[in-house]
């Protein structure tokens, strides 16, 4: 995760993609609820009407297998409507022109049939995400255990970089583990082969750093 879980409380927007914290991670779900109480907008993207969608300002019920088309269309809108963070893109990213060319053909209208999501909804989601002062993306096994997993993660991360939502509080890209005990064990360095969250125990130096930080 690029950001701490408790930072979710103070984000302006939570984009939950292929993940149901209400079922998998009740503590994370509480932070999403806190964010909602603090005025954050919630976008849930899942084919099902999952529990977390009940508190969402927007539920995008896309068709199975259409993750990339939807996310590329959102990127298209953000660039087309000049909503991206030009300073961040220029100073802290690479490959913007290549990305622009890829998403250029993914107009919201062209992916309506593929995704089952109206062009209006896609534009609304893109504007909400890009317009937030800070936006946190959360995804889970619905993304990473799907055959488009790698490409979907890249597409989600591209949206975060496009809008400058990396390297600042209450934003970022935040993958979570399969269920709460696995997440907690890794976060608290209780997993046998991992220390300090997801750092591998592969050297004496790493072990010394772990002991230094109390892991």
N, C-alpha and C. Protein backbone atom coordinates (compact mmCIF):
# COMPACT_ATOMS: atom_id res chain seq x y z
N UNK A 1 0.84 -1.19 0.00
CA UNK A 1 0.00 0.00 0.00
C UNK A 1 0.88 1.24 0.00
N UNK A 2 0.50 2.23 -0.80
CA UNK A 2 1.29 3.46 -0.84
C UNK A 2 0.99 4.37 0.35
N UNK A 3 -0.12 4.16 1.02
CA UNK A 3 -0.54 5.00 2.14
C UNK A 3 -1.04 4.13 3.30
N UNK A 4 -1.02 4.71 4.49
CA UNK A 4 -1.52 3.99 5.67
C UNK A 4 -3.04 3.88 5.63
N UNK A 5 -3.55 2.81 6.20
CA UNK A 5 -4.99 2.57 6.19
C UNK A 5 -5.75 3.71 6.87
N UNK A 6 -5.22 4.24 7.98
CA UNK A 6 -5.96 5.28 8.70
C UNK A 6 -6.01 6.60 7.94
N UNK A 7 -5.22 6.74 6.88
CA UNK A 7 -5.29 7.96 6.07
C UNK A 7 -6.58 8.02 5.26
N UNK A 8 -7.24 6.87 5.10
CA UNK A 8 -8.50 6.85 4.36
C UNK A 8 -9.51 7.80 4.99
N UNK A 9 -9.45 7.95 6.32
CA UNK A 9 -10.41 8.81 7.03
C UNK A 9 -10.49 10.22 6.46
N UNK A 10 -9.35 10.72 5.99
CA UNK A 10 -9.26 12.13 5.61
C UNK A 10 -9.16 12.36 4.10
N UNK A 11 -9.44 11.32 3.33
CA UNK A 11 -9.40 11.49 1.89
C UNK A 11 -10.67 12.20 1.40
N UNK A 12 -10.60 12.75 0.21
CA UNK A 12 -11.78 13.41 -0.38
C UNK A 12 -12.60 12.45 -1.22
N UNK A 13 -11.95 11.36 -1.66
CA UNK A 13 -12.67 10.38 -2.48
C UNK A 13 -12.04 9.01 -2.31
N UNK A 14 -12.88 7.99 -2.18
CA UNK A 14 -12.41 6.60 -2.14
C UNK A 14 -12.95 5.89 -3.37
N UNK A 15 -12.04 5.31 -4.15
CA UNK A 15 -12.41 4.56 -5.34
C UNK A 15 -12.16 3.08 -5.04
N UNK A 16 -13.24 2.36 -4.76
CA UNK A 16 -13.16 0.94 -4.38
C UNK A 16 -13.38 0.10 -5.63
N UNK A 17 -12.37 -0.67 -6.02
CA UNK A 17 -12.42 -1.38 -7.30
C UNK A 17 -12.18 -2.87 -7.08
N UNK A 18 -13.20 -3.68 -7.41
CA UNK A 18 -13.05 -5.13 -7.28
C UNK A 18 -12.74 -5.58 -5.87
N UNK A 19 -13.41 -5.00 -4.92
CA UNK A 19 -13.06 -5.22 -3.52
C UNK A 19 -14.26 -4.87 -2.65
N UNK A 20 -14.54 -5.70 -1.65
CA UNK A 20 -15.65 -5.44 -0.74
C UNK A 20 -15.14 -5.42 0.70
N UNK A 21 -14.65 -4.27 1.17
CA UNK A 21 -14.10 -4.21 2.53
C UNK A 21 -15.10 -4.60 3.61
N UNK A 22 -16.38 -4.39 3.36
CA UNK A 22 -17.38 -4.75 4.37
C UNK A 22 -17.34 -6.23 4.69
N UNK A 23 -16.99 -7.06 3.72
CA UNK A 23 -16.89 -8.50 3.94
C UNK A 23 -15.48 -8.94 4.30
N UNK A 24 -14.48 -8.38 3.62
CA UNK A 24 -13.11 -8.87 3.75
C UNK A 24 -12.33 -8.25 4.89
N UNK A 25 -12.50 -6.96 5.09
CA UNK A 25 -11.68 -6.22 6.06
C UNK A 25 -12.54 -5.21 6.81
N UNK A 26 -13.21 -5.62 7.87
CA UNK A 26 -14.10 -4.71 8.61
C UNK A 26 -13.41 -3.44 9.10
N UNK A 27 -12.13 -3.54 9.48
CA UNK A 27 -11.43 -2.35 9.95
C UNK A 27 -11.27 -1.34 8.81
N UNK A 28 -10.89 -1.84 7.63
CA UNK A 28 -10.79 -0.95 6.47
C UNK A 28 -12.16 -0.35 6.16
N UNK A 29 -13.19 -1.17 6.25
CA UNK A 29 -14.56 -0.68 6.00
C UNK A 29 -14.91 0.45 6.95
N UNK A 30 -14.50 0.33 8.21
CA UNK A 30 -14.76 1.40 9.17
C UNK A 30 -14.10 2.70 8.75
N UNK A 31 -12.88 2.61 8.20
CA UNK A 31 -12.20 3.82 7.74
C UNK A 31 -12.91 4.42 6.52
N UNK A 32 -13.44 3.57 5.65
CA UNK A 32 -14.21 4.07 4.51
C UNK A 32 -15.46 4.78 5.00
N UNK A 33 -16.12 4.21 6.00
CA UNK A 33 -17.30 4.85 6.59
C UNK A 33 -16.92 6.18 7.23
N UNK A 34 -15.78 6.21 7.93
CA UNK A 34 -15.30 7.47 8.52
C UNK A 34 -15.08 8.53 7.46
N UNK A 35 -14.49 8.12 6.34
CA UNK A 35 -14.27 9.06 5.24
C UNK A 35 -15.59 9.61 4.74
N UNK A 36 -16.58 8.73 4.60
CA UNK A 36 -17.92 9.16 4.16
C UNK A 36 -18.50 10.18 5.14
N UNK A 37 -18.36 9.90 6.44
CA UNK A 37 -18.87 10.83 7.45
C UNK A 37 -18.15 12.16 7.41
N UNK A 38 -16.89 12.12 6.99
CA UNK A 38 -16.10 13.35 6.90
C UNK A 38 -16.30 14.09 5.59
N UNK A 39 -17.21 13.60 4.76
CA UNK A 39 -17.56 14.31 3.54
C UNK A 39 -16.99 13.75 2.26
N UNK A 40 -16.29 12.62 2.33
CA UNK A 40 -15.69 12.04 1.13
C UNK A 40 -16.76 11.44 0.21
N UNK A 41 -16.47 11.45 -1.08
CA UNK A 41 -17.30 10.75 -2.05
C UNK A 41 -16.78 9.32 -2.18
N UNK A 42 -17.68 8.38 -2.39
CA UNK A 42 -17.32 6.98 -2.51
C UNK A 42 -17.79 6.47 -3.88
N UNK A 43 -16.85 5.93 -4.65
CA UNK A 43 -17.18 5.25 -5.91
C UNK A 43 -16.86 3.78 -5.74
N UNK A 44 -17.82 2.92 -5.99
CA UNK A 44 -17.62 1.48 -5.92
C UNK A 44 -17.78 0.90 -7.32
N UNK A 45 -16.78 0.15 -7.76
CA UNK A 45 -16.83 -0.47 -9.08
C UNK A 45 -16.83 -1.98 -8.90
N UNK A 46 -17.97 -2.60 -9.16
CA UNK A 46 -18.12 -4.05 -8.98
C UNK A 46 -19.37 -4.50 -9.73
N UNK A 47 -19.31 -5.63 -10.42
CA UNK A 47 -20.51 -6.11 -11.12
C UNK A 47 -21.69 -6.37 -10.19
N UNK A 48 -21.38 -6.68 -8.92
CA UNK A 48 -22.43 -7.01 -7.95
C UNK A 48 -22.79 -5.80 -7.09
N UNK A 49 -23.97 -5.84 -6.54
CA UNK A 49 -24.39 -4.82 -5.57
C UNK A 49 -23.85 -5.26 -4.21
N UNK A 50 -22.55 -5.06 -4.00
CA UNK A 50 -21.91 -5.51 -2.78
C UNK A 50 -22.29 -4.62 -1.60
N UNK A 51 -22.00 -5.11 -0.41
CA UNK A 51 -22.36 -4.38 0.81
C UNK A 51 -21.81 -2.96 0.81
N UNK A 52 -20.55 -2.81 0.40
CA UNK A 52 -19.92 -1.49 0.41
C UNK A 52 -20.63 -0.51 -0.52
N UNK A 53 -21.27 -1.02 -1.56
CA UNK A 53 -21.97 -0.15 -2.51
C UNK A 53 -23.14 0.57 -1.87
N UNK A 54 -23.60 0.09 -0.72
CA UNK A 54 -24.74 0.72 -0.05
C UNK A 54 -24.43 2.14 0.40
N UNK A 55 -23.16 2.42 0.69
CA UNK A 55 -22.80 3.77 1.14
C UNK A 55 -22.17 4.59 0.02
N UNK A 56 -22.14 4.02 -1.19
CA UNK A 56 -21.46 4.69 -2.30
C UNK A 56 -22.30 5.83 -2.87
N UNK A 57 -21.62 6.88 -3.28
CA UNK A 57 -22.28 7.94 -4.04
C UNK A 57 -22.51 7.49 -5.47
N UNK A 58 -21.68 6.54 -5.91
CA UNK A 58 -21.80 6.03 -7.27
C UNK A 58 -21.38 4.56 -7.29
N UNK A 59 -22.25 3.71 -7.81
CA UNK A 59 -21.92 2.30 -7.99
C UNK A 59 -21.84 2.01 -9.48
N UNK A 60 -20.66 1.64 -9.95
CA UNK A 60 -20.46 1.31 -11.36
C UNK A 60 -20.54 -0.21 -11.50
N UNK A 61 -21.64 -0.69 -12.05
CA UNK A 61 -21.86 -2.14 -12.19
C UNK A 61 -21.39 -2.58 -13.57
N UNK A 62 -20.09 -2.64 -13.76
CA UNK A 62 -19.53 -3.01 -15.06
C UNK A 62 -19.68 -4.51 -15.32
N UNK A 63 -19.58 -4.89 -16.60
CA UNK A 63 -19.62 -6.30 -16.96
C UNK A 63 -18.30 -6.97 -16.58
N UNK A 64 -18.37 -8.26 -16.28
CA UNK A 64 -17.16 -9.02 -16.02
C UNK A 64 -16.21 -8.94 -17.22
N UNK A 65 -14.93 -8.74 -16.95
CA UNK A 65 -13.93 -8.73 -18.00
C UNK A 65 -13.74 -7.40 -18.70
N UNK A 66 -14.38 -6.35 -18.21
CA UNK A 66 -14.29 -5.06 -18.90
C UNK A 66 -13.51 -4.01 -18.11
N UNK A 67 -12.69 -4.46 -17.17
CA UNK A 67 -11.94 -3.52 -16.33
C UNK A 67 -11.11 -2.53 -17.13
N UNK A 68 -10.32 -3.05 -18.07
CA UNK A 68 -9.39 -2.20 -18.81
C UNK A 68 -10.13 -1.18 -19.66
N UNK A 69 -11.19 -1.62 -20.32
CA UNK A 69 -11.97 -0.69 -21.15
C UNK A 69 -12.51 0.46 -20.32
N UNK A 70 -13.04 0.15 -19.15
CA UNK A 70 -13.60 1.19 -18.28
C UNK A 70 -12.52 2.17 -17.82
N UNK A 71 -11.40 1.64 -17.32
CA UNK A 71 -10.35 2.51 -16.78
C UNK A 71 -9.69 3.34 -17.87
N UNK A 72 -9.51 2.75 -19.05
CA UNK A 72 -8.95 3.52 -20.16
C UNK A 72 -9.90 4.64 -20.59
N UNK A 73 -11.20 4.36 -20.55
CA UNK A 73 -12.17 5.40 -20.88
C UNK A 73 -12.14 6.54 -19.86
N UNK A 74 -11.95 6.20 -18.59
CA UNK A 74 -11.81 7.24 -17.58
C UNK A 74 -10.56 8.07 -17.84
N UNK A 75 -9.46 7.40 -18.19
CA UNK A 75 -8.24 8.14 -18.53
C UNK A 75 -8.45 9.04 -19.73
N UNK A 76 -9.20 8.55 -20.71
CA UNK A 76 -9.53 9.34 -21.89
C UNK A 76 -10.24 10.64 -21.50
N UNK A 77 -11.23 10.53 -20.66
CA UNK A 77 -12.00 11.70 -20.23
C UNK A 77 -11.11 12.69 -19.47
N UNK A 78 -10.29 12.18 -18.58
CA UNK A 78 -9.44 13.05 -17.76
C UNK A 78 -8.49 13.85 -18.64
N UNK A 79 -7.95 13.22 -19.67
CA UNK A 79 -7.04 13.94 -20.58
C UNK A 79 -7.83 14.85 -21.51
N UNK A 80 -8.91 14.33 -22.09
CA UNK A 80 -9.72 15.10 -23.04
C UNK A 80 -10.26 16.39 -22.41
N UNK A 81 -10.66 16.31 -21.14
CA UNK A 81 -11.24 17.47 -20.47
C UNK A 81 -10.20 18.26 -19.67
N UNK A 82 -8.93 17.92 -19.89
CA UNK A 82 -7.83 18.68 -19.29
C UNK A 82 -7.90 18.67 -17.76
N UNK A 83 -8.24 17.52 -17.20
CA UNK A 83 -8.40 17.40 -15.75
C UNK A 83 -7.16 16.81 -15.07
N UNK A 84 -6.15 16.47 -15.86
CA UNK A 84 -4.98 15.81 -15.28
C UNK A 84 -4.00 16.82 -14.68
N UNK A 85 -3.14 16.33 -13.80
CA UNK A 85 -2.17 17.17 -13.10
C UNK A 85 -0.92 17.31 -13.97
N UNK A 86 -0.85 18.38 -14.73
CA UNK A 86 0.23 18.55 -15.70
C UNK A 86 1.60 18.63 -15.04
N UNK A 87 1.69 19.31 -13.92
CA UNK A 87 2.99 19.45 -13.24
C UNK A 87 3.48 18.10 -12.74
N UNK A 88 2.59 17.32 -12.16
CA UNK A 88 2.97 15.99 -11.65
C UNK A 88 3.37 15.08 -12.80
N UNK A 89 2.58 15.09 -13.86
CA UNK A 89 2.87 14.23 -15.01
C UNK A 89 4.22 14.59 -15.63
N UNK A 90 4.50 15.89 -15.74
CA UNK A 90 5.75 16.34 -16.37
C UNK A 90 6.97 16.01 -15.52
N UNK A 91 6.85 16.14 -14.22
CA UNK A 91 8.02 16.01 -13.35
C UNK A 91 8.22 14.63 -12.74
N UNK A 92 7.16 13.82 -12.69
CA UNK A 92 7.27 12.59 -11.91
C UNK A 92 6.77 11.33 -12.62
N UNK A 93 6.49 11.45 -13.91
CA UNK A 93 6.05 10.26 -14.65
C UNK A 93 6.81 10.16 -15.97
N UNK A 94 6.70 9.00 -16.58
CA UNK A 94 7.25 8.76 -17.91
C UNK A 94 6.18 8.09 -18.77
N UNK A 95 6.30 8.27 -20.08
CA UNK A 95 5.42 7.57 -21.00
C UNK A 95 4.04 8.18 -21.17
N UNK A 96 3.89 9.46 -20.85
CA UNK A 96 2.56 10.07 -20.94
C UNK A 96 2.02 10.05 -22.37
N UNK A 97 2.85 10.38 -23.35
CA UNK A 97 2.37 10.43 -24.73
C UNK A 97 1.92 9.05 -25.21
N UNK A 98 2.65 8.02 -24.79
CA UNK A 98 2.25 6.65 -25.15
C UNK A 98 0.90 6.31 -24.52
N UNK A 99 0.73 6.70 -23.26
CA UNK A 99 -0.54 6.45 -22.58
C UNK A 99 -1.66 7.23 -23.26
N UNK A 100 -1.39 8.48 -23.61
CA UNK A 100 -2.41 9.29 -24.28
C UNK A 100 -2.88 8.62 -25.57
N UNK A 101 -1.94 8.07 -26.33
CA UNK A 101 -2.29 7.42 -27.59
C UNK A 101 -3.14 6.17 -27.35
N UNK A 102 -2.82 5.44 -26.28
CA UNK A 102 -3.58 4.22 -25.97
C UNK A 102 -5.03 4.55 -25.64
N UNK A 103 -5.23 5.53 -24.75
CA UNK A 103 -6.60 5.81 -24.29
C UNK A 103 -7.38 6.69 -25.26
N UNK A 104 -6.70 7.23 -26.26
CA UNK A 104 -7.37 8.12 -27.21
C UNK A 104 -8.56 7.44 -27.87
N UNK A 105 -8.43 6.16 -28.16
CA UNK A 105 -9.52 5.45 -28.83
C UNK A 105 -10.60 4.92 -27.90
N UNK A 106 -10.39 5.07 -26.60
CA UNK A 106 -11.35 4.56 -25.63
C UNK A 106 -12.33 5.65 -25.19
N UNK A 107 -13.11 6.14 -26.13
CA UNK A 107 -14.12 7.12 -25.75
C UNK A 107 -15.18 6.42 -24.89
N UNK A 108 -15.81 7.14 -23.98
CA UNK A 108 -16.87 6.51 -23.18
C UNK A 108 -17.96 5.88 -24.04
N UNK A 109 -18.28 6.54 -25.16
CA UNK A 109 -19.33 6.01 -26.04
C UNK A 109 -18.90 4.68 -26.67
N UNK A 110 -17.61 4.55 -26.98
CA UNK A 110 -17.14 3.34 -27.66
C UNK A 110 -17.08 2.12 -26.75
N UNK A 111 -17.08 2.33 -25.44
CA UNK A 111 -16.98 1.19 -24.52
C UNK A 111 -18.29 0.91 -23.77
N UNK A 112 -19.35 1.62 -24.12
CA UNK A 112 -20.63 1.41 -23.43
C UNK A 112 -21.08 -0.05 -23.52
N UNK A 113 -21.05 -0.61 -24.72
CA UNK A 113 -21.52 -1.99 -24.90
C UNK A 113 -20.57 -2.98 -24.22
N UNK A 114 -19.28 -2.71 -24.29
CA UNK A 114 -18.28 -3.61 -23.68
C UNK A 114 -18.45 -3.65 -22.17
N UNK A 115 -18.62 -2.48 -21.56
CA UNK A 115 -18.64 -2.39 -20.10
C UNK A 115 -20.03 -2.51 -19.48
N UNK A 116 -21.05 -2.20 -20.28
CA UNK A 116 -22.40 -2.13 -19.71
C UNK A 116 -22.63 -0.89 -18.89
N UNK A 117 -21.73 0.07 -19.01
CA UNK A 117 -21.80 1.33 -18.26
C UNK A 117 -22.02 2.46 -19.25
N UNK A 118 -22.95 3.35 -18.96
CA UNK A 118 -23.25 4.44 -19.88
C UNK A 118 -22.09 5.43 -19.96
N UNK A 119 -21.98 6.09 -21.10
CA UNK A 119 -20.94 7.10 -21.28
C UNK A 119 -21.08 8.20 -20.23
N UNK A 120 -22.30 8.53 -19.88
CA UNK A 120 -22.53 9.56 -18.87
C UNK A 120 -21.95 9.15 -17.52
N UNK A 121 -22.16 7.88 -17.14
CA UNK A 121 -21.61 7.40 -15.87
C UNK A 121 -20.09 7.40 -15.88
N UNK A 122 -19.51 6.99 -16.99
CA UNK A 122 -18.04 6.96 -17.09
C UNK A 122 -17.48 8.36 -16.94
N UNK A 123 -18.08 9.32 -17.63
CA UNK A 123 -17.61 10.70 -17.52
C UNK A 123 -17.79 11.23 -16.10
N UNK A 124 -18.90 10.89 -15.49
CA UNK A 124 -19.14 11.35 -14.11
C UNK A 124 -18.09 10.79 -13.16
N UNK A 125 -17.78 9.50 -13.29
CA UNK A 125 -16.78 8.88 -12.42
C UNK A 125 -15.40 9.50 -12.63
N UNK A 126 -15.04 9.73 -13.88
CA UNK A 126 -13.74 10.32 -14.19
C UNK A 126 -13.63 11.73 -13.62
N UNK A 127 -14.68 12.50 -13.74
CA UNK A 127 -14.67 13.87 -13.21
C UNK A 127 -14.62 13.88 -11.69
N UNK A 128 -15.35 12.97 -11.07
CA UNK A 128 -15.32 12.89 -9.60
C UNK A 128 -13.92 12.54 -9.11
N UNK A 129 -13.32 11.54 -9.74
CA UNK A 129 -11.99 11.10 -9.31
C UNK A 129 -10.95 12.19 -9.54
N UNK A 130 -10.94 12.76 -10.74
CA UNK A 130 -9.93 13.77 -11.06
C UNK A 130 -10.14 15.06 -10.29
N UNK A 131 -11.38 15.34 -9.92
CA UNK A 131 -11.68 16.60 -9.24
C UNK A 131 -11.42 16.59 -7.75
N UNK A 132 -11.16 15.43 -7.18
CA UNK A 132 -10.92 15.34 -5.73
C UNK A 132 -9.53 15.87 -5.38
N UNK A 133 -9.42 16.56 -4.25
CA UNK A 133 -8.12 17.05 -3.80
C UNK A 133 -7.19 15.90 -3.45
N UNK A 134 -7.77 14.85 -2.89
CA UNK A 134 -7.02 13.62 -2.64
C UNK A 134 -7.96 12.46 -2.90
N UNK A 135 -7.46 11.44 -3.58
CA UNK A 135 -8.30 10.29 -3.93
C UNK A 135 -7.51 9.01 -3.67
N UNK A 136 -8.10 8.11 -2.90
CA UNK A 136 -7.47 6.84 -2.57
C UNK A 136 -8.14 5.70 -3.33
N UNK A 137 -7.34 4.92 -4.05
CA UNK A 137 -7.86 3.74 -4.73
C UNK A 137 -7.61 2.52 -3.86
N UNK A 138 -8.64 1.71 -3.67
CA UNK A 138 -8.53 0.45 -2.94
C UNK A 138 -8.93 -0.68 -3.88
N UNK A 139 -8.09 -1.71 -3.97
CA UNK A 139 -8.50 -2.88 -4.73
C UNK A 139 -8.10 -4.16 -4.00
N UNK A 140 -8.78 -5.25 -4.36
CA UNK A 140 -8.54 -6.51 -3.66
C UNK A 140 -8.45 -7.69 -4.61
N UNK A 141 -8.85 -8.86 -4.12
CA UNK A 141 -8.71 -10.08 -4.89
C UNK A 141 -9.55 -10.09 -6.16
N UNK A 142 -10.60 -9.28 -6.18
CA UNK A 142 -11.40 -9.18 -7.39
C UNK A 142 -10.61 -8.66 -8.57
N UNK A 143 -9.51 -7.98 -8.28
CA UNK A 143 -8.60 -7.50 -9.32
C UNK A 143 -7.43 -8.46 -9.49
N UNK A 144 -6.74 -8.75 -8.41
CA UNK A 144 -5.46 -9.44 -8.52
C UNK A 144 -5.59 -10.93 -8.84
N UNK A 145 -6.74 -11.54 -8.60
CA UNK A 145 -6.94 -12.93 -8.95
C UNK A 145 -7.75 -13.10 -10.23
N UNK A 146 -7.85 -12.02 -10.98
CA UNK A 146 -8.57 -12.05 -12.26
C UNK A 146 -7.54 -12.11 -13.38
N UNK A 147 -7.93 -12.63 -14.54
CA UNK A 147 -6.95 -12.82 -15.60
C UNK A 147 -6.39 -11.50 -16.15
N UNK A 148 -7.09 -10.40 -15.92
CA UNK A 148 -6.58 -9.08 -16.32
C UNK A 148 -5.89 -8.37 -15.15
N UNK A 149 -5.48 -9.12 -14.14
CA UNK A 149 -5.00 -8.51 -12.91
C UNK A 149 -3.87 -7.52 -13.09
N UNK A 150 -2.80 -7.93 -13.76
CA UNK A 150 -1.64 -7.06 -13.92
C UNK A 150 -2.03 -5.80 -14.69
N UNK A 151 -2.75 -5.98 -15.78
CA UNK A 151 -3.14 -4.83 -16.61
C UNK A 151 -4.08 -3.90 -15.85
N UNK A 152 -4.96 -4.45 -15.03
CA UNK A 152 -5.88 -3.62 -14.25
C UNK A 152 -5.13 -2.80 -13.21
N UNK A 153 -4.16 -3.43 -12.53
CA UNK A 153 -3.35 -2.69 -11.56
C UNK A 153 -2.60 -1.56 -12.25
N UNK A 154 -2.04 -1.83 -13.42
CA UNK A 154 -1.34 -0.77 -14.16
C UNK A 154 -2.29 0.36 -14.54
N UNK A 155 -3.50 0.01 -14.94
CA UNK A 155 -4.47 1.02 -15.34
C UNK A 155 -4.92 1.87 -14.16
N UNK A 156 -5.14 1.24 -13.01
CA UNK A 156 -5.50 1.99 -11.81
C UNK A 156 -4.37 2.91 -11.38
N UNK A 157 -3.15 2.39 -11.41
CA UNK A 157 -1.99 3.20 -11.03
C UNK A 157 -1.79 4.35 -12.01
N UNK A 158 -2.08 4.12 -13.28
CA UNK A 158 -1.97 5.19 -14.27
C UNK A 158 -2.93 6.33 -13.96
N UNK A 159 -4.15 6.00 -13.52
CA UNK A 159 -5.10 7.04 -13.13
C UNK A 159 -4.58 7.85 -11.95
N UNK A 160 -3.96 7.15 -10.98
CA UNK A 160 -3.41 7.85 -9.82
C UNK A 160 -2.29 8.80 -10.23
N UNK A 161 -1.40 8.34 -11.11
CA UNK A 161 -0.30 9.20 -11.56
C UNK A 161 -0.82 10.33 -12.44
N UNK A 162 -1.81 10.04 -13.25
CA UNK A 162 -2.37 11.07 -14.13
C UNK A 162 -2.93 12.24 -13.34
N UNK A 163 -3.46 11.97 -12.17
CA UNK A 163 -4.11 13.00 -11.36
C UNK A 163 -3.26 13.46 -10.17
N UNK A 164 -2.02 13.01 -10.10
CA UNK A 164 -1.13 13.44 -9.01
C UNK A 164 -1.50 12.86 -7.66
N UNK A 165 -2.12 11.69 -7.66
CA UNK A 165 -2.56 11.09 -6.40
C UNK A 165 -1.59 10.04 -5.86
N UNK A 166 -0.32 10.28 -6.04
CA UNK A 166 0.72 9.46 -5.44
C UNK A 166 1.70 10.37 -4.71
N UNK A 167 2.21 9.89 -3.58
CA UNK A 167 3.20 10.66 -2.84
C UNK A 167 2.62 11.77 -2.00
N UNK A 168 1.33 11.66 -1.66
CA UNK A 168 0.73 12.66 -0.78
C UNK A 168 -0.24 11.96 0.17
N UNK A 169 -0.58 12.60 1.29
CA UNK A 169 -1.43 11.95 2.29
C UNK A 169 -2.84 11.65 1.76
N UNK A 170 -3.43 10.60 2.30
CA UNK A 170 -4.84 10.26 2.06
C UNK A 170 -5.16 10.06 0.59
N UNK A 171 -4.22 9.52 -0.15
CA UNK A 171 -4.41 9.28 -1.58
C UNK A 171 -3.81 7.93 -1.92
N UNK A 172 -3.25 7.82 -3.11
CA UNK A 172 -2.44 6.66 -3.46
C UNK A 172 -3.18 5.47 -4.02
N UNK A 173 -2.40 4.38 -4.16
CA UNK A 173 -2.90 3.10 -4.65
C UNK A 173 -2.72 2.08 -3.54
N UNK A 174 -3.79 1.41 -3.18
CA UNK A 174 -3.78 0.62 -1.95
C UNK A 174 -4.37 -0.77 -2.15
N UNK A 175 -3.54 -1.73 -2.59
CA UNK A 175 -4.00 -3.11 -2.69
C UNK A 175 -4.08 -3.75 -1.32
N UNK A 176 -5.10 -4.53 -1.09
CA UNK A 176 -5.26 -5.21 0.20
C UNK A 176 -5.25 -6.71 -0.02
N UNK A 177 -4.95 -7.44 1.05
CA UNK A 177 -4.83 -8.89 0.96
C UNK A 177 -6.20 -9.56 0.95
N UNK A 178 -6.17 -10.89 0.86
CA UNK A 178 -7.42 -11.63 0.68
C UNK A 178 -8.42 -11.50 1.80
N UNK A 179 -7.97 -11.47 3.04
CA UNK A 179 -8.90 -11.31 4.16
C UNK A 179 -8.15 -10.71 5.35
N UNK A 180 -8.90 -10.37 6.38
CA UNK A 180 -8.35 -9.52 7.44
C UNK A 180 -7.17 -10.13 8.17
N UNK A 181 -7.16 -11.43 8.43
CA UNK A 181 -6.05 -12.01 9.17
C UNK A 181 -4.74 -11.96 8.38
N UNK A 182 -4.83 -12.18 7.07
CA UNK A 182 -3.63 -12.09 6.23
C UNK A 182 -3.12 -10.65 6.20
N UNK A 183 -4.04 -9.70 6.02
CA UNK A 183 -3.64 -8.29 6.00
C UNK A 183 -2.97 -7.91 7.31
N UNK A 184 -3.57 -8.25 8.42
CA UNK A 184 -3.01 -7.89 9.72
C UNK A 184 -1.68 -8.56 9.98
N UNK A 185 -1.55 -9.83 9.60
CA UNK A 185 -0.29 -10.54 9.83
C UNK A 185 0.86 -9.89 9.07
N UNK A 186 0.59 -9.46 7.84
CA UNK A 186 1.64 -8.81 7.06
C UNK A 186 1.93 -7.40 7.56
N UNK A 187 0.90 -6.65 7.89
CA UNK A 187 1.10 -5.28 8.38
C UNK A 187 1.87 -5.27 9.69
N UNK A 188 1.66 -6.26 10.52
CA UNK A 188 2.30 -6.31 11.84
C UNK A 188 3.53 -7.21 11.87
N UNK A 189 4.01 -7.59 10.67
CA UNK A 189 5.24 -8.38 10.54
C UNK A 189 5.15 -9.72 11.26
N UNK A 190 3.98 -10.36 11.19
CA UNK A 190 3.80 -11.66 11.82
C UNK A 190 3.88 -12.81 10.82
N UNK A 191 3.99 -12.46 9.55
CA UNK A 191 4.14 -13.49 8.53
C UNK A 191 5.57 -14.02 8.57
N UNK A 192 5.74 -15.33 8.53
CA UNK A 192 7.03 -15.95 8.78
C UNK A 192 8.12 -15.47 7.83
N UNK A 193 7.79 -15.23 6.57
CA UNK A 193 8.82 -14.86 5.60
C UNK A 193 8.83 -13.38 5.27
N UNK A 194 7.96 -12.61 5.91
CA UNK A 194 7.90 -11.18 5.64
C UNK A 194 8.07 -10.39 6.92
N UNK A 195 8.76 -9.25 6.82
CA UNK A 195 8.88 -8.34 7.95
C UNK A 195 8.63 -6.93 7.45
N UNK A 196 8.29 -6.03 8.35
CA UNK A 196 8.00 -4.64 7.97
C UNK A 196 7.05 -4.60 6.79
N UNK A 197 5.87 -5.06 7.03
CA UNK A 197 4.83 -5.15 6.01
C UNK A 197 5.25 -6.13 4.93
N UNK A 198 5.66 -5.65 3.73
CA UNK A 198 5.94 -6.57 2.63
C UNK A 198 7.42 -6.64 2.27
N UNK A 199 8.31 -6.27 3.17
CA UNK A 199 9.74 -6.43 2.92
C UNK A 199 10.14 -7.87 3.19
N UNK A 200 10.89 -8.47 2.27
CA UNK A 200 11.27 -9.86 2.44
C UNK A 200 12.44 -10.00 3.40
N UNK A 201 12.41 -11.06 4.16
CA UNK A 201 13.49 -11.36 5.10
C UNK A 201 14.56 -12.12 4.33
N UNK A 202 15.41 -11.39 3.63
CA UNK A 202 16.37 -12.04 2.73
C UNK A 202 17.82 -11.73 3.07
N UNK A 203 18.06 -10.92 4.08
CA UNK A 203 19.44 -10.59 4.40
C UNK A 203 19.57 -10.21 5.86
N UNK A 204 20.79 -10.27 6.36
CA UNK A 204 21.03 -9.87 7.74
C UNK A 204 20.74 -8.38 7.93
N UNK A 205 21.02 -7.60 6.89
CA UNK A 205 20.76 -6.16 6.98
C UNK A 205 19.27 -5.91 7.17
N UNK A 206 18.44 -6.61 6.40
CA UNK A 206 17.00 -6.46 6.54
C UNK A 206 16.55 -6.88 7.93
N UNK A 207 17.12 -7.97 8.43
CA UNK A 207 16.77 -8.44 9.77
C UNK A 207 17.14 -7.42 10.83
N UNK A 208 18.33 -6.81 10.68
CA UNK A 208 18.76 -5.79 11.64
C UNK A 208 17.83 -4.59 11.60
N UNK A 209 17.42 -4.18 10.40
CA UNK A 209 16.49 -3.06 10.28
C UNK A 209 15.16 -3.39 10.93
N UNK A 210 14.73 -4.64 10.80
CA UNK A 210 13.49 -5.08 11.43
C UNK A 210 13.57 -4.96 12.94
N UNK A 211 14.68 -5.45 13.50
CA UNK A 211 14.85 -5.37 14.95
C UNK A 211 14.93 -3.93 15.41
N UNK A 212 15.59 -3.09 14.62
CA UNK A 212 15.74 -1.68 14.96
C UNK A 212 14.39 -1.00 15.07
N UNK A 213 13.47 -1.39 14.19
CA UNK A 213 12.15 -0.77 14.17
C UNK A 213 11.13 -1.55 14.99
N UNK A 214 11.60 -2.55 15.71
CA UNK A 214 10.70 -3.26 16.62
C UNK A 214 9.82 -4.28 15.97
N UNK A 215 10.14 -4.68 14.73
CA UNK A 215 9.31 -5.68 14.04
C UNK A 215 9.72 -7.08 14.47
